[in-house]
């Protein structure tokens, strides 16, 4: 019998039009998935041998542990998009990745808000300086996009590099964070101007 996880959707603010709906999934009191893609979501759930029960965001129950994680995630995402949260404090589950992937994902958590590093630097952070391509692949398998900030890793030549959610999403997130980082007292309408003009 498959274990049951709980899923919901999160809709980013309209002032970031390139960001699609996010899929959030929690199981055993931890967030196991935050992603932009249905296909990746289903692959992870299959790998975890779990079936996700979908609950509308408005019907999440704080008294149910996994649903409480989804509510906490939603609140922290709202704070992130309000420009008031730089780091997330949600219990995360990396156990569905290989040991190497888990190492890379843990290293991603050390990249400061509003900053970027290269794939080569990421490889150095895990003491495997020649493994930059493997780091890029692990980045692409990150099940917790945004919270585990794989969007902050760019190509060594300064280009954006890839992003499993799409380069438009990566650019929107980086522009948003840079605008917040440079202008701590800006409102969302100001971010819209800073990011897209």
N, C-alpha and C. Protein backbone atom coordinates (compact mmCIF):
# COMPACT_ATOMS: atom_id res chain seq x y z
N UNK A 1 0.84 -1.19 0.00
CA UNK A 1 0.00 0.00 0.00
C UNK A 1 0.88 1.25 0.00
N UNK A 2 0.50 2.19 -0.81
CA UNK A 2 1.28 3.42 -0.93
C UNK A 2 0.97 4.36 0.23
N UNK A 3 2.01 5.03 0.72
CA UNK A 3 1.81 6.04 1.75
C UNK A 3 1.11 7.24 1.14
N UNK A 4 0.41 7.98 1.97
CA UNK A 4 -0.30 9.15 1.46
C UNK A 4 0.42 10.42 1.87
N UNK A 5 0.71 11.20 0.87
CA UNK A 5 1.25 12.54 1.09
C UNK A 5 0.09 13.51 0.87
N UNK A 6 0.31 14.76 1.22
CA UNK A 6 -0.71 15.78 1.05
C UNK A 6 -0.14 16.86 0.14
N UNK A 7 -0.91 17.25 -0.87
CA UNK A 7 -0.47 18.27 -1.83
C UNK A 7 -1.46 19.42 -1.89
N UNK A 8 -0.94 20.56 -2.27
CA UNK A 8 -1.78 21.72 -2.56
C UNK A 8 -1.05 22.56 -3.61
N UNK A 9 -1.68 23.60 -4.06
CA UNK A 9 -1.08 24.52 -5.01
C UNK A 9 -0.81 25.86 -4.35
N UNK A 10 0.16 26.57 -4.90
CA UNK A 10 0.45 27.93 -4.46
C UNK A 10 0.54 28.80 -5.70
N UNK A 11 -0.16 29.91 -5.67
CA UNK A 11 -0.17 30.83 -6.81
C UNK A 11 0.69 32.05 -6.48
N UNK A 12 1.83 32.20 -7.15
CA UNK A 12 2.68 33.37 -6.91
C UNK A 12 1.93 34.66 -7.24
N UNK A 13 2.41 35.78 -6.71
CA UNK A 13 1.72 37.06 -6.94
C UNK A 13 1.70 37.46 -8.41
N UNK A 14 0.67 38.19 -8.77
CA UNK A 14 0.49 38.57 -10.18
C UNK A 14 1.55 39.54 -10.68
N UNK A 15 2.29 40.21 -9.78
CA UNK A 15 3.32 41.13 -10.26
C UNK A 15 4.55 40.39 -10.78
N UNK A 16 4.55 39.06 -10.68
CA UNK A 16 5.59 38.23 -11.29
C UNK A 16 4.91 37.29 -12.29
N UNK A 17 4.51 37.80 -13.44
CA UNK A 17 3.69 37.03 -14.37
C UNK A 17 4.37 35.80 -14.97
N UNK A 18 5.69 35.72 -14.92
CA UNK A 18 6.38 34.56 -15.48
C UNK A 18 6.35 33.35 -14.56
N UNK A 19 5.85 33.52 -13.33
CA UNK A 19 5.84 32.41 -12.39
C UNK A 19 4.51 31.67 -12.44
N UNK A 20 4.55 30.38 -12.79
CA UNK A 20 3.32 29.59 -12.81
C UNK A 20 2.96 29.08 -11.42
N UNK A 21 1.88 28.38 -11.34
CA UNK A 21 1.45 27.75 -10.09
C UNK A 21 2.52 26.77 -9.61
N UNK A 22 2.74 26.76 -8.31
CA UNK A 22 3.68 25.81 -7.70
C UNK A 22 2.90 24.66 -7.09
N UNK A 23 3.52 23.48 -7.11
CA UNK A 23 2.95 22.30 -6.49
C UNK A 23 3.72 22.02 -5.21
N UNK A 24 3.02 21.94 -4.07
CA UNK A 24 3.63 21.68 -2.78
C UNK A 24 3.15 20.34 -2.26
N UNK A 25 4.07 19.53 -1.74
CA UNK A 25 3.70 18.23 -1.19
C UNK A 25 4.45 18.01 0.12
N UNK A 26 3.72 17.53 1.13
CA UNK A 26 4.31 17.22 2.43
C UNK A 26 3.99 15.78 2.79
N UNK A 27 4.91 15.17 3.54
CA UNK A 27 4.72 13.81 4.02
C UNK A 27 5.54 13.63 5.29
N UNK A 28 4.97 12.95 6.26
CA UNK A 28 5.67 12.65 7.52
C UNK A 28 6.24 13.91 8.18
N UNK A 29 5.48 15.01 8.13
CA UNK A 29 5.86 16.23 8.82
C UNK A 29 6.96 17.04 8.16
N UNK A 30 7.23 16.77 6.88
CA UNK A 30 8.27 17.51 6.16
C UNK A 30 7.79 17.84 4.75
N UNK A 31 8.33 18.92 4.22
CA UNK A 31 8.05 19.27 2.83
C UNK A 31 8.93 18.39 1.95
N UNK A 32 8.33 17.66 1.02
CA UNK A 32 9.11 16.79 0.13
C UNK A 32 9.17 17.32 -1.29
N UNK A 33 8.30 18.28 -1.61
CA UNK A 33 8.26 18.77 -2.98
C UNK A 33 7.72 20.19 -3.04
N UNK A 34 8.40 21.01 -3.80
CA UNK A 34 7.90 22.32 -4.19
C UNK A 34 8.42 22.51 -5.60
N UNK A 35 7.54 22.42 -6.56
CA UNK A 35 8.01 22.48 -7.93
C UNK A 35 6.97 23.12 -8.83
N UNK A 36 7.44 23.48 -10.01
CA UNK A 36 6.62 24.16 -11.01
C UNK A 36 5.99 23.19 -12.00
N UNK A 37 6.40 21.94 -12.00
CA UNK A 37 6.03 21.02 -13.07
C UNK A 37 5.25 19.81 -12.57
N UNK A 38 4.14 19.51 -13.24
CA UNK A 38 3.35 18.33 -12.90
C UNK A 38 4.13 17.04 -13.10
N UNK A 39 4.89 16.95 -14.20
CA UNK A 39 5.60 15.71 -14.52
C UNK A 39 6.65 15.40 -13.46
N UNK A 40 7.43 16.39 -13.08
CA UNK A 40 8.45 16.18 -12.05
C UNK A 40 7.80 15.81 -10.72
N UNK A 41 6.68 16.45 -10.42
CA UNK A 41 5.94 16.15 -9.19
C UNK A 41 5.55 14.68 -9.16
N UNK A 42 4.98 14.19 -10.25
CA UNK A 42 4.52 12.80 -10.29
C UNK A 42 5.69 11.83 -10.22
N UNK A 43 6.80 12.15 -10.88
CA UNK A 43 7.98 11.27 -10.82
C UNK A 43 8.49 11.13 -9.39
N UNK A 44 8.55 12.24 -8.65
CA UNK A 44 9.03 12.18 -7.28
C UNK A 44 8.09 11.37 -6.41
N UNK A 45 6.80 11.56 -6.57
CA UNK A 45 5.84 10.80 -5.77
C UNK A 45 5.93 9.31 -6.07
N UNK A 46 6.12 8.96 -7.34
CA UNK A 46 6.29 7.55 -7.70
C UNK A 46 7.55 6.99 -7.06
N UNK A 47 8.64 7.76 -7.12
CA UNK A 47 9.91 7.33 -6.54
C UNK A 47 9.76 7.12 -5.03
N UNK A 48 8.99 7.98 -4.39
CA UNK A 48 8.79 7.89 -2.94
C UNK A 48 7.71 6.86 -2.59
N UNK A 49 7.13 6.22 -3.61
CA UNK A 49 6.06 5.25 -3.41
C UNK A 49 4.91 5.88 -2.62
N UNK A 50 4.54 7.08 -3.03
CA UNK A 50 3.49 7.80 -2.34
C UNK A 50 2.42 8.26 -3.31
N UNK A 51 1.25 8.37 -2.78
CA UNK A 51 0.14 8.94 -3.52
C UNK A 51 -0.24 10.22 -2.80
N UNK A 52 -0.35 11.30 -3.52
CA UNK A 52 -0.67 12.57 -2.89
C UNK A 52 -2.17 12.85 -2.96
N UNK A 53 -2.71 13.19 -1.83
CA UNK A 53 -4.10 13.63 -1.74
C UNK A 53 -4.09 15.14 -1.90
N UNK A 54 -4.80 15.65 -2.90
CA UNK A 54 -4.82 17.09 -3.14
C UNK A 54 -5.87 17.75 -2.25
N UNK A 55 -5.47 18.85 -1.62
CA UNK A 55 -6.39 19.64 -0.79
C UNK A 55 -6.29 21.09 -1.25
N UNK A 56 -7.42 21.71 -1.47
CA UNK A 56 -7.42 23.12 -1.87
C UNK A 56 -6.75 23.95 -0.77
N UNK A 57 -6.00 24.98 -1.16
CA UNK A 57 -5.32 25.81 -0.15
C UNK A 57 -6.26 26.33 0.94
N UNK A 58 -7.47 26.70 0.57
CA UNK A 58 -8.43 27.25 1.54
C UNK A 58 -8.97 26.20 2.51
N UNK A 59 -8.74 24.91 2.22
CA UNK A 59 -9.27 23.84 3.06
C UNK A 59 -8.19 23.15 3.90
N UNK A 60 -6.96 23.66 3.87
CA UNK A 60 -5.90 23.06 4.67
C UNK A 60 -6.20 23.23 6.16
N UNK A 61 -5.93 22.18 6.94
CA UNK A 61 -6.24 22.14 8.37
C UNK A 61 -4.94 22.19 9.17
N UNK A 62 -4.76 23.25 9.95
CA UNK A 62 -3.55 23.44 10.75
C UNK A 62 -3.34 22.30 11.76
N UNK A 63 -4.41 21.59 12.11
CA UNK A 63 -4.32 20.51 13.10
C UNK A 63 -3.85 19.19 12.52
N UNK A 64 -3.69 19.12 11.22
CA UNK A 64 -3.16 17.92 10.56
C UNK A 64 -1.70 18.19 10.22
N UNK A 65 -0.75 17.39 10.73
CA UNK A 65 0.68 17.72 10.62
C UNK A 65 1.17 18.03 9.20
N UNK A 66 0.84 17.21 8.23
CA UNK A 66 1.33 17.48 6.87
C UNK A 66 0.66 18.71 6.27
N UNK A 67 -0.61 18.89 6.57
CA UNK A 67 -1.30 20.08 6.09
C UNK A 67 -0.74 21.34 6.77
N UNK A 68 -0.34 21.21 8.03
CA UNK A 68 0.28 22.34 8.74
C UNK A 68 1.59 22.74 8.07
N UNK A 69 2.35 21.76 7.57
CA UNK A 69 3.59 22.05 6.84
C UNK A 69 3.27 22.83 5.57
N UNK A 70 2.21 22.44 4.88
CA UNK A 70 1.82 23.15 3.66
C UNK A 70 1.37 24.58 3.98
N UNK A 71 0.65 24.75 5.08
CA UNK A 71 0.25 26.10 5.49
C UNK A 71 1.46 26.94 5.85
N UNK A 72 2.40 26.36 6.58
CA UNK A 72 3.63 27.07 6.95
C UNK A 72 4.40 27.46 5.69
N UNK A 73 4.47 26.55 4.73
CA UNK A 73 5.16 26.83 3.48
C UNK A 73 4.49 27.97 2.73
N UNK A 74 3.17 27.93 2.67
CA UNK A 74 2.41 28.99 2.00
C UNK A 74 2.65 30.34 2.66
N UNK A 75 2.63 30.37 4.00
CA UNK A 75 2.88 31.62 4.72
C UNK A 75 4.28 32.15 4.42
N UNK A 76 5.27 31.26 4.43
CA UNK A 76 6.64 31.69 4.19
C UNK A 76 6.84 32.11 2.73
N UNK A 77 6.16 31.47 1.80
CA UNK A 77 6.22 31.91 0.40
C UNK A 77 5.60 33.30 0.26
N UNK A 78 4.48 33.55 0.95
CA UNK A 78 3.88 34.89 0.93
C UNK A 78 4.87 35.93 1.44
N UNK A 79 5.56 35.61 2.53
CA UNK A 79 6.56 36.53 3.09
C UNK A 79 7.72 36.74 2.12
N UNK A 80 8.15 35.66 1.47
CA UNK A 80 9.21 35.76 0.47
C UNK A 80 8.80 36.74 -0.64
N UNK A 81 7.60 36.55 -1.17
CA UNK A 81 7.14 37.40 -2.26
C UNK A 81 6.75 38.81 -1.79
N UNK A 82 6.52 38.99 -0.50
CA UNK A 82 6.33 40.34 0.06
C UNK A 82 7.66 41.05 0.25
N UNK A 83 8.75 40.31 0.11
CA UNK A 83 10.08 40.88 0.29
C UNK A 83 10.55 40.90 1.73
N UNK A 84 9.83 40.20 2.63
CA UNK A 84 10.20 40.22 4.05
C UNK A 84 10.90 38.95 4.52
N UNK A 85 11.00 37.93 3.69
CA UNK A 85 11.66 36.68 4.08
C UNK A 85 12.81 36.40 3.13
N UNK A 86 13.97 36.13 3.71
CA UNK A 86 15.17 35.80 2.93
C UNK A 86 15.51 34.32 3.02
N UNK A 87 15.18 33.69 4.14
CA UNK A 87 15.48 32.26 4.37
C UNK A 87 14.22 31.57 4.85
N UNK A 88 14.09 30.32 4.48
CA UNK A 88 12.93 29.53 4.88
C UNK A 88 13.28 28.65 6.07
N UNK A 89 12.29 28.39 6.92
CA UNK A 89 12.51 27.55 8.10
C UNK A 89 11.51 26.40 8.14
N UNK A 90 11.37 25.75 7.04
CA UNK A 90 10.43 24.64 6.89
C UNK A 90 11.20 23.33 6.98
N UNK A 91 10.69 22.33 7.70
CA UNK A 91 11.38 21.03 7.71
C UNK A 91 11.35 20.41 6.30
N UNK A 92 12.52 20.07 5.80
CA UNK A 92 12.66 19.55 4.44
C UNK A 92 13.10 18.10 4.47
N UNK A 93 12.69 17.34 3.47
CA UNK A 93 13.10 15.94 3.34
C UNK A 93 13.86 15.78 2.03
N UNK A 94 15.17 15.51 2.15
CA UNK A 94 16.02 15.27 0.99
C UNK A 94 16.20 13.78 0.71
N UNK A 95 15.55 12.92 1.46
CA UNK A 95 15.88 11.49 1.43
C UNK A 95 15.60 10.82 0.09
N UNK A 96 14.89 11.48 -0.81
CA UNK A 96 14.59 10.87 -2.10
C UNK A 96 15.71 11.06 -3.11
N UNK A 97 16.74 11.80 -2.73
CA UNK A 97 17.89 12.00 -3.60
C UNK A 97 19.03 11.07 -3.25
N UNK A 98 19.98 10.95 -4.16
CA UNK A 98 21.19 10.18 -3.87
C UNK A 98 22.03 10.95 -2.85
N UNK A 99 23.04 10.31 -2.32
CA UNK A 99 23.91 10.99 -1.36
C UNK A 99 24.55 12.23 -1.99
N UNK A 100 25.00 12.10 -3.24
CA UNK A 100 25.60 13.24 -3.93
C UNK A 100 24.59 14.36 -4.12
N UNK A 101 23.38 14.03 -4.56
CA UNK A 101 22.35 15.05 -4.74
C UNK A 101 22.04 15.76 -3.43
N UNK A 102 21.95 15.00 -2.35
CA UNK A 102 21.68 15.60 -1.04
C UNK A 102 22.79 16.57 -0.64
N UNK A 103 24.03 16.22 -0.96
CA UNK A 103 25.17 17.11 -0.69
C UNK A 103 25.02 18.42 -1.46
N UNK A 104 24.68 18.31 -2.72
CA UNK A 104 24.50 19.49 -3.57
C UNK A 104 23.35 20.34 -3.04
N UNK A 105 22.23 19.71 -2.73
CA UNK A 105 21.06 20.46 -2.26
C UNK A 105 21.36 21.17 -0.94
N UNK A 106 22.10 20.52 -0.06
CA UNK A 106 22.49 21.17 1.20
C UNK A 106 23.38 22.39 0.91
N UNK A 107 24.27 22.26 -0.06
CA UNK A 107 25.15 23.39 -0.42
C UNK A 107 24.34 24.55 -1.00
N UNK A 108 23.28 24.25 -1.73
CA UNK A 108 22.44 25.31 -2.29
C UNK A 108 21.85 26.20 -1.19
N UNK A 109 21.58 25.60 -0.04
CA UNK A 109 20.99 26.36 1.07
C UNK A 109 21.95 27.41 1.63
N UNK A 110 23.22 27.33 1.27
CA UNK A 110 24.21 28.30 1.78
C UNK A 110 24.34 29.53 0.88
N UNK A 111 23.69 29.52 -0.27
CA UNK A 111 23.78 30.66 -1.19
C UNK A 111 22.86 31.77 -0.68
N UNK A 112 23.45 32.91 -0.41
CA UNK A 112 22.68 34.03 0.15
C UNK A 112 21.65 34.57 -0.84
N UNK A 113 20.57 35.05 -0.29
CA UNK A 113 19.51 35.72 -1.02
C UNK A 113 20.10 36.88 -1.83
N UNK A 114 19.69 37.01 -3.07
CA UNK A 114 20.17 38.11 -3.91
C UNK A 114 21.56 37.88 -4.49
N UNK A 115 22.14 36.72 -4.24
CA UNK A 115 23.48 36.40 -4.73
C UNK A 115 23.39 35.23 -5.71
N UNK A 116 24.39 35.08 -6.54
CA UNK A 116 24.49 33.91 -7.41
C UNK A 116 25.90 33.34 -7.32
N UNK A 117 26.01 32.06 -7.65
CA UNK A 117 27.32 31.42 -7.77
C UNK A 117 27.30 30.59 -9.05
N UNK A 118 28.47 30.20 -9.51
CA UNK A 118 28.57 29.37 -10.71
C UNK A 118 28.45 27.90 -10.33
N UNK A 119 28.20 27.07 -11.33
CA UNK A 119 28.18 25.62 -11.11
C UNK A 119 29.55 25.16 -10.63
N UNK A 120 30.62 25.78 -11.14
CA UNK A 120 31.98 25.44 -10.70
C UNK A 120 32.17 25.76 -9.22
N UNK A 121 31.65 26.90 -8.78
CA UNK A 121 31.75 27.27 -7.36
C UNK A 121 30.93 26.30 -6.51
N UNK A 122 29.77 25.90 -7.00
CA UNK A 122 28.95 24.92 -6.28
C UNK A 122 29.72 23.62 -6.09
N UNK A 123 30.41 23.19 -7.13
CA UNK A 123 31.21 21.96 -7.04
C UNK A 123 32.31 22.12 -5.99
N UNK A 124 32.89 23.30 -5.92
CA UNK A 124 33.92 23.57 -4.92
C UNK A 124 33.34 23.54 -3.51
N UNK A 125 32.11 24.02 -3.35
CA UNK A 125 31.46 24.02 -2.03
C UNK A 125 31.30 22.62 -1.46
N UNK A 126 31.17 21.63 -2.34
CA UNK A 126 31.02 20.26 -1.84
C UNK A 126 32.33 19.48 -1.96
N UNK A 127 33.43 20.21 -2.13
CA UNK A 127 34.78 19.61 -2.21
C UNK A 127 34.94 18.63 -3.37
N UNK A 128 34.27 18.92 -4.48
CA UNK A 128 34.40 18.12 -5.69
C UNK A 128 34.53 19.08 -6.87
N UNK A 129 35.66 19.82 -6.96
CA UNK A 129 35.78 20.90 -7.93
C UNK A 129 35.64 20.49 -9.39
N UNK A 130 35.84 19.23 -9.71
CA UNK A 130 35.70 18.79 -11.11
C UNK A 130 34.29 18.30 -11.42
N UNK A 131 33.43 18.29 -10.44
CA UNK A 131 32.09 17.72 -10.61
C UNK A 131 31.03 18.77 -10.94
N UNK A 132 31.42 19.84 -11.63
CA UNK A 132 30.45 20.91 -11.90
C UNK A 132 29.29 20.44 -12.78
N UNK A 133 29.55 19.53 -13.71
CA UNK A 133 28.44 19.02 -14.55
C UNK A 133 27.50 18.14 -13.73
N UNK A 134 28.08 17.33 -12.85
CA UNK A 134 27.25 16.51 -11.97
C UNK A 134 26.43 17.39 -11.03
N UNK A 135 27.03 18.50 -10.59
CA UNK A 135 26.30 19.46 -9.74
C UNK A 135 25.13 20.07 -10.52
N UNK A 136 25.36 20.39 -11.78
CA UNK A 136 24.28 20.93 -12.62
C UNK A 136 23.15 19.92 -12.75
N UNK A 137 23.49 18.64 -12.92
CA UNK A 137 22.47 17.60 -13.00
C UNK A 137 21.71 17.46 -11.69
N UNK A 138 22.43 17.51 -10.56
CA UNK A 138 21.77 17.43 -9.25
C UNK A 138 20.86 18.64 -9.05
N UNK A 139 21.30 19.79 -9.53
CA UNK A 139 20.47 21.00 -9.47
C UNK A 139 19.14 20.75 -10.17
N UNK A 140 19.21 20.13 -11.33
CA UNK A 140 18.01 19.85 -12.11
C UNK A 140 17.07 18.85 -11.46
N UNK A 141 17.57 18.07 -10.54
CA UNK A 141 16.75 17.07 -9.83
C UNK A 141 16.23 17.60 -8.49
N UNK A 142 16.58 18.83 -8.15
CA UNK A 142 16.17 19.42 -6.87
C UNK A 142 14.64 19.38 -6.75
N UNK A 143 14.10 18.68 -5.74
CA UNK A 143 12.65 18.58 -5.60
C UNK A 143 12.02 19.76 -4.86
N UNK A 144 12.85 20.66 -4.36
CA UNK A 144 12.35 21.76 -3.53
C UNK A 144 12.76 23.12 -4.10
N UNK A 145 12.40 23.32 -5.37
CA UNK A 145 12.74 24.58 -6.05
C UNK A 145 12.33 25.78 -5.22
N UNK A 146 13.05 26.84 -5.37
CA UNK A 146 12.87 28.11 -4.68
C UNK A 146 13.35 28.04 -3.23
N UNK A 147 12.82 27.12 -2.43
CA UNK A 147 13.25 27.02 -1.03
C UNK A 147 14.69 26.52 -0.96
N UNK A 148 15.02 25.54 -1.77
CA UNK A 148 16.41 25.11 -1.96
C UNK A 148 16.82 25.80 -3.26
N UNK A 149 17.50 26.95 -3.16
CA UNK A 149 17.57 27.92 -4.26
C UNK A 149 18.50 27.56 -5.42
N UNK A 150 18.12 26.56 -6.18
CA UNK A 150 18.92 26.17 -7.35
C UNK A 150 18.90 27.26 -8.43
N UNK A 151 17.92 28.17 -8.36
CA UNK A 151 17.87 29.27 -9.34
C UNK A 151 19.03 30.24 -9.16
N UNK A 152 19.72 30.18 -8.03
CA UNK A 152 20.85 31.09 -7.76
C UNK A 152 22.17 30.59 -8.33
N UNK A 153 22.14 29.48 -9.04
CA UNK A 153 23.36 28.94 -9.66
C UNK A 153 23.31 29.28 -11.15
N UNK A 154 24.38 29.93 -11.62
CA UNK A 154 24.43 30.39 -13.01
C UNK A 154 25.69 29.85 -13.69
N UNK A 155 25.75 30.03 -14.99
CA UNK A 155 26.91 29.58 -15.76
C UNK A 155 28.14 30.42 -15.40
N UNK A 156 29.31 29.84 -15.58
CA UNK A 156 30.57 30.54 -15.28
C UNK A 156 30.77 31.79 -16.12
N UNK A 157 30.18 31.81 -17.32
CA UNK A 157 30.34 32.98 -18.19
C UNK A 157 29.35 34.10 -17.85
N UNK A 158 28.57 33.90 -16.78
CA UNK A 158 27.60 34.91 -16.36
C UNK A 158 26.22 34.71 -16.94
N UNK A 159 26.08 33.77 -17.88
CA UNK A 159 24.77 33.46 -18.43
C UNK A 159 23.90 32.77 -17.39
N UNK A 160 22.62 32.73 -17.64
CA UNK A 160 21.71 32.13 -16.67
C UNK A 160 21.91 30.64 -16.48
N UNK A 161 22.32 29.93 -17.53
CA UNK A 161 22.37 28.47 -17.42
C UNK A 161 20.96 27.92 -17.51
N UNK A 162 20.79 26.67 -17.19
CA UNK A 162 19.48 26.04 -17.30
C UNK A 162 18.68 26.15 -16.03
N UNK A 163 17.42 25.72 -16.13
CA UNK A 163 16.53 25.66 -14.97
C UNK A 163 15.38 24.76 -15.37
N UNK A 164 15.10 23.75 -14.57
CA UNK A 164 14.07 22.79 -14.97
C UNK A 164 12.69 23.43 -15.08
N UNK A 165 12.46 24.51 -14.36
CA UNK A 165 11.18 25.20 -14.47
C UNK A 165 11.12 26.11 -15.69
N UNK A 166 12.27 26.32 -16.34
CA UNK A 166 12.35 27.20 -17.49
C UNK A 166 13.16 28.44 -17.16
N UNK A 167 13.90 28.92 -18.13
CA UNK A 167 14.79 30.07 -17.92
C UNK A 167 14.01 31.33 -17.57
N UNK A 168 12.79 31.48 -18.08
CA UNK A 168 11.98 32.67 -17.75
C UNK A 168 11.68 32.72 -16.25
N UNK A 169 11.41 31.57 -15.65
CA UNK A 169 11.16 31.52 -14.20
C UNK A 169 12.44 31.87 -13.45
N UNK A 170 13.55 31.29 -13.87
CA UNK A 170 14.83 31.57 -13.21
C UNK A 170 15.14 33.07 -13.26
N UNK A 171 14.98 33.67 -14.42
CA UNK A 171 15.26 35.10 -14.58
C UNK A 171 14.33 35.93 -13.70
N UNK A 172 13.05 35.58 -13.66
CA UNK A 172 12.10 36.33 -12.84
C UNK A 172 12.48 36.26 -11.36
N UNK A 173 12.87 35.07 -10.89
CA UNK A 173 13.27 34.92 -9.48
C UNK A 173 14.53 35.71 -9.16
N UNK A 174 15.52 35.62 -10.04
CA UNK A 174 16.77 36.35 -9.81
C UNK A 174 16.55 37.86 -9.85
N UNK A 175 15.76 38.33 -10.81
CA UNK A 175 15.45 39.76 -10.89
C UNK A 175 14.71 40.22 -9.63
N UNK A 176 13.74 39.42 -9.20
CA UNK A 176 12.96 39.76 -8.00
C UNK A 176 13.88 39.85 -6.78
N UNK A 177 14.72 38.84 -6.58
CA UNK A 177 15.61 38.83 -5.42
C UNK A 177 16.60 39.99 -5.47
N UNK A 178 17.11 40.28 -6.64
CA UNK A 178 18.06 41.38 -6.76
C UNK A 178 17.37 42.71 -6.43
N UNK A 179 16.16 42.88 -6.93
CA UNK A 179 15.41 44.11 -6.62
C UNK A 179 15.16 44.23 -5.12
N UNK A 180 14.78 43.13 -4.48
CA UNK A 180 14.55 43.14 -3.03
C UNK A 180 15.84 43.40 -2.29
N UNK A 181 16.90 42.76 -2.73
CA UNK A 181 18.21 42.88 -2.07
C UNK A 181 18.73 44.31 -2.15
N UNK A 182 18.55 44.94 -3.29
CA UNK A 182 19.06 46.30 -3.48
C UNK A 182 18.16 47.36 -2.87
N UNK A 183 16.87 47.06 -2.75
CA UNK A 183 15.89 48.06 -2.30
C UNK A 183 14.99 47.44 -1.25
N UNK A 184 15.45 47.37 -0.03
CA UNK A 184 14.73 46.65 1.03
C UNK A 184 13.37 47.23 1.36
N UNK A 185 13.10 48.47 1.03
CA UNK A 185 11.83 49.10 1.41
C UNK A 185 10.87 49.26 0.24
N UNK A 186 11.05 48.48 -0.79
CA UNK A 186 10.19 48.61 -1.96
C UNK A 186 8.92 47.78 -1.80
N UNK A 187 7.86 48.22 -2.45
CA UNK A 187 6.59 47.50 -2.45
C UNK A 187 6.51 46.66 -3.71
N UNK A 188 5.57 45.70 -3.78
CA UNK A 188 5.45 44.88 -4.98
C UNK A 188 5.33 45.68 -6.27
N UNK A 189 4.62 46.80 -6.28
CA UNK A 189 4.51 47.56 -7.52
C UNK A 189 5.87 48.14 -7.91
N UNK A 190 6.68 48.48 -6.92
CA UNK A 190 8.04 48.94 -7.20
C UNK A 190 8.87 47.80 -7.78
N UNK A 191 8.69 46.57 -7.25
CA UNK A 191 9.42 45.42 -7.77
C UNK A 191 9.07 45.21 -9.24
N UNK A 192 7.79 45.37 -9.54
CA UNK A 192 7.35 45.20 -10.91
C UNK A 192 8.13 46.14 -11.82
N UNK A 193 8.27 47.37 -11.41
CA UNK A 193 9.02 48.35 -12.20
C UNK A 193 10.50 47.97 -12.29
N UNK A 194 11.09 47.62 -11.15
CA UNK A 194 12.52 47.30 -11.12
C UNK A 194 12.85 46.06 -11.94
N UNK A 195 11.97 45.07 -11.89
CA UNK A 195 12.27 43.79 -12.52
C UNK A 195 11.99 43.77 -14.02
N UNK A 196 11.04 44.54 -14.46
CA UNK A 196 10.60 44.35 -15.85
C UNK A 196 10.80 45.58 -16.73
N UNK A 197 11.45 46.62 -16.22
CA UNK A 197 11.71 47.81 -17.04
C UNK A 197 13.19 48.08 -17.13
